[in-house]
Amino acid sequence: MERLFSTEKYNSFGMYTRMEQAPNPNSRITLISEKDSLGMNKINLNWQLLPIDKKSILELNKLVGQQIGLQKLGRVKLFDFLLDEQDPSMPDYTSGGWHHIGTTRMSDDPKKGVVNKDCRVHGLSNLFIAGSSCFPTSGAVPPTLSIVAISLRLSDHITSQL
């Protein structure tokens, strides 16, 4: 069997985990009373991870480690923060993606989302939002194709209403 890389040249590899975060209604953007230089309310970003997010990272890394071991390619050393399953905290260097996802969540219930299934803003008959801000969570890949799909769906809906 041909190997993708030669283990003879290297004695270690770094592994970076990037994965989808569980939907969390407590992660949100809200307006605060403080104003910016244009007189607009500033925002407060409240990004929270759940214990399931840390558990998912642990289980993924364990699974990858098992497969690397089965192939006799080496061993995976888990980061210390993953070893204490009772501590849900994540390291300070934990970061999210670079897409504005989930800030106008889609839900038929106005208490749980900003837009309905047709991307119409609750309470307004002529304002629609189509983009990754409607997603309840992000994946580990760029959202471009999903944004195109939701935009096409919205254009079909608006066309059918005309």
Protein backbone atom coordinates (compact mmCIF):
# COMPACT_ATOMS: atom_id res chain seq x y z
CA MET A 1 0.00 0.00 0.00
CA GLU A 2 1.40 3.40 -0.96
CA ARG A 3 1.58 5.91 1.89
CA LEU A 4 0.39 9.52 1.51
CA PHE A 5 3.52 10.69 3.31
CA SER A 6 6.77 9.19 4.48
CA THR A 7 7.07 8.74 8.24
CA GLU A 8 10.83 8.28 7.78
CA LYS A 9 11.30 12.03 7.18
CA TYR A 10 9.33 13.23 10.19
CA ASN A 11 9.04 12.21 13.83
CA SER A 12 5.91 14.24 14.60
CA PHE A 13 3.01 16.04 12.99
CA GLY A 14 0.67 18.70 14.34
CA MET A 15 -3.06 18.20 14.13
CA TYR A 16 -5.54 21.06 14.05
CA THR A 17 -9.21 20.38 14.75
CA ARG A 18 -11.88 22.43 13.07
CA MET A 19 -15.45 21.35 13.51
CA GLU A 20 -19.04 22.46 13.76
CA GLN A 21 -20.20 23.94 17.04
CA ALA A 22 -23.51 22.75 18.48
CA PRO A 23 -26.32 25.32 18.07
CA ASN A 24 -26.46 27.44 21.21
CA PRO A 25 -29.26 29.99 21.66
CA ASN A 26 -27.15 31.78 24.30
CA SER A 27 -24.56 32.70 21.68
CA ARG A 28 -25.89 35.94 20.29
CA ILE A 29 -25.21 39.52 19.24
CA THR A 30 -27.14 42.23 21.06
CA LEU A 31 -27.15 46.02 20.91
CA ILE A 32 -25.83 47.94 23.90
CA SER A 33 -26.57 51.55 24.87
CA GLU A 34 -23.02 52.77 24.17
CA LYS A 35 -22.76 54.59 20.80
CA ASP A 36 -20.08 54.38 18.12
CA SER A 37 -18.56 57.36 16.24
CA LEU A 38 -21.61 57.43 13.90
CA GLY A 39 -24.07 57.55 16.80
CA MET A 40 -25.17 53.94 16.30
CA ASN A 41 -25.52 51.50 19.17
CA LYS A 42 -22.48 49.28 19.59
CA ILE A 43 -22.84 45.53 19.76
CA ASN A 44 -22.07 42.94 22.38
CA LEU A 45 -20.87 39.57 21.08
CA ASN A 46 -21.68 36.71 23.44
CA TRP A 47 -20.06 33.57 22.01
CA GLN A 48 -20.43 30.49 24.18
CA LEU A 49 -19.36 26.93 23.68
CA LEU A 50 -21.25 24.03 25.24
CA PRO A 51 -19.79 20.98 27.02
CA ILE A 52 -20.83 18.89 23.98
CA ASP A 53 -18.44 20.96 21.84
CA LYS A 54 -15.44 19.94 23.94
CA LYS A 55 -16.66 16.33 24.09
CA SER A 56 -17.00 16.30 20.29
CA ILE A 57 -13.40 17.47 19.87
CA LEU A 58 -12.20 14.81 22.33
CA GLU A 59 -14.12 12.00 20.60
CA LEU A 60 -12.95 13.09 17.14
CA ASN A 61 -9.31 13.18 18.23
CA LYS A 62 -9.62 9.80 19.94
CA LEU A 63 -11.12 8.30 16.79
CA VAL A 64 -8.36 9.76 14.60
CA GLY A 65 -5.79 8.45 17.09
CA GLN A 66 -7.28 4.96 16.98
CA GLN A 67 -7.18 4.92 13.17
CA ILE A 68 -3.59 6.19 13.06
CA GLY A 69 -2.67 3.45 15.54
CA LEU A 70 -4.44 0.75 13.53
CA GLN A 71 -2.47 1.81 10.44
CA LYS A 72 0.75 1.70 12.52
CA LEU A 73 1.52 5.28 11.51
CA GLY A 74 2.07 6.51 15.04
CA ARG A 75 0.21 7.73 18.09
CA VAL A 76 -1.84 10.82 18.89
CA LYS A 77 -1.11 12.80 22.04
CA LEU A 78 -4.20 14.64 23.26
CA PHE A 79 -3.93 18.17 24.59
CA ASP A 80 -4.17 18.38 28.38
CA PHE A 81 -7.37 20.47 28.28
CA LEU A 82 -9.17 17.55 26.60
CA LEU A 83 -8.25 15.05 29.30
CA ASP A 84 -10.45 16.51 32.07
CA GLU A 85 -13.93 15.60 30.86
CA GLN A 86 -15.51 17.20 33.95
CA ASP A 87 -14.11 20.64 33.05
CA PRO A 88 -16.09 22.13 30.12
CA SER A 89 -13.71 25.09 29.66
CA MET A 90 -11.72 25.59 26.49
CA PRO A 91 -8.27 27.20 26.11
CA ASP A 92 -7.92 30.96 25.54
CA TYR A 93 -6.69 30.41 21.99
CA THR A 94 -9.99 28.77 20.97
CA SER A 95 -11.49 30.65 18.06
CA GLY A 96 -14.45 30.47 15.72
CA GLY A 97 -14.73 30.85 12.00
CA TRP A 98 -14.68 34.05 10.02
CA HIS A 99 -18.24 34.00 8.73
CA HIS A 100 -21.16 35.98 10.17
CA ILE A 101 -23.30 32.94 10.81
CA GLY A 102 -26.36 32.65 13.00
CA THR A 103 -26.97 36.32 13.75
CA THR A 104 -30.45 36.34 12.14
CA ARG A 105 -31.40 32.74 12.84
CA MET A 106 -34.21 31.09 10.92
CA SER A 107 -37.18 29.85 12.93
CA ASP A 108 -40.93 29.90 12.52
CA ASP A 109 -41.06 31.04 16.17
CA PRO A 110 -40.16 34.76 16.48
CA LYS A 111 -38.85 34.07 20.00
CA LYS A 112 -36.24 31.70 18.58
CA GLY A 113 -35.28 33.41 15.35
CA VAL A 114 -35.25 36.59 13.30
CA VAL A 115 -36.53 35.23 9.98
CA ASN A 116 -39.09 32.58 9.08
CA LYS A 117 -38.60 29.66 6.65
CA ASP A 118 -39.09 32.06 3.73
CA CYS A 119 -36.29 34.34 5.03
CA ARG A 120 -38.86 37.05 5.88
CA VAL A 121 -38.07 39.07 9.00
CA HIS A 122 -40.74 38.40 11.62
CA GLY A 123 -43.22 41.26 11.88
CA LEU A 124 -42.28 42.87 8.55
CA SER A 125 -43.96 41.99 5.29
CA ASN A 126 -41.31 43.32 2.90
CA LEU A 127 -37.92 42.63 4.49
CA PHE A 128 -36.07 39.43 3.67
CA ILE A 129 -32.60 38.24 4.67
CA ALA A 130 -30.84 35.45 2.78
CA GLY A 131 -27.38 34.45 3.83
CA SER A 132 -25.36 32.54 6.38
CA SER A 133 -26.75 34.73 9.16
CA CYS A 134 -29.95 32.64 8.85
CA PHE A 135 -28.10 29.40 9.66
CA PRO A 136 -28.49 28.01 13.19
CA THR A 137 -24.83 26.95 13.17
CA SER A 138 -21.88 26.72 10.83
CA GLY A 139 -20.01 23.78 9.42
CA ALA A 140 -16.28 23.42 9.09
CA VAL A 141 -16.33 24.38 5.43
CA PRO A 142 -17.02 27.70 3.69
CA PRO A 143 -20.77 28.40 3.54
CA THR A 144 -20.82 29.77 -0.01
CA LEU A 145 -22.86 27.03 -1.68
CA SER A 146 -25.42 26.99 1.14
CA ILE A 147 -25.74 30.78 0.85
CA VAL A 148 -26.33 30.44 -2.90
CA ALA A 149 -28.96 27.75 -2.27
CA ILE A 150 -30.85 29.80 0.33
CA SER A 151 -30.69 32.86 -1.96
CA LEU A 152 -32.10 30.89 -4.91
CA ARG A 153 -34.84 29.51 -2.68
CA LEU A 154 -35.73 33.04 -1.56
CA SER A 155 -35.78 34.34 -5.15
CA ASP A 156 -38.16 31.52 -6.12
CA HIS A 157 -40.40 32.38 -3.15
CA ILE A 158 -40.50 36.12 -3.95
CA THR A 159 -41.12 35.40 -7.65
CA SER A 160 -44.05 33.14 -6.74
CA GLN A 161 -45.56 35.95 -4.64
CA LEU A 162 -45.47 38.53 -7.44
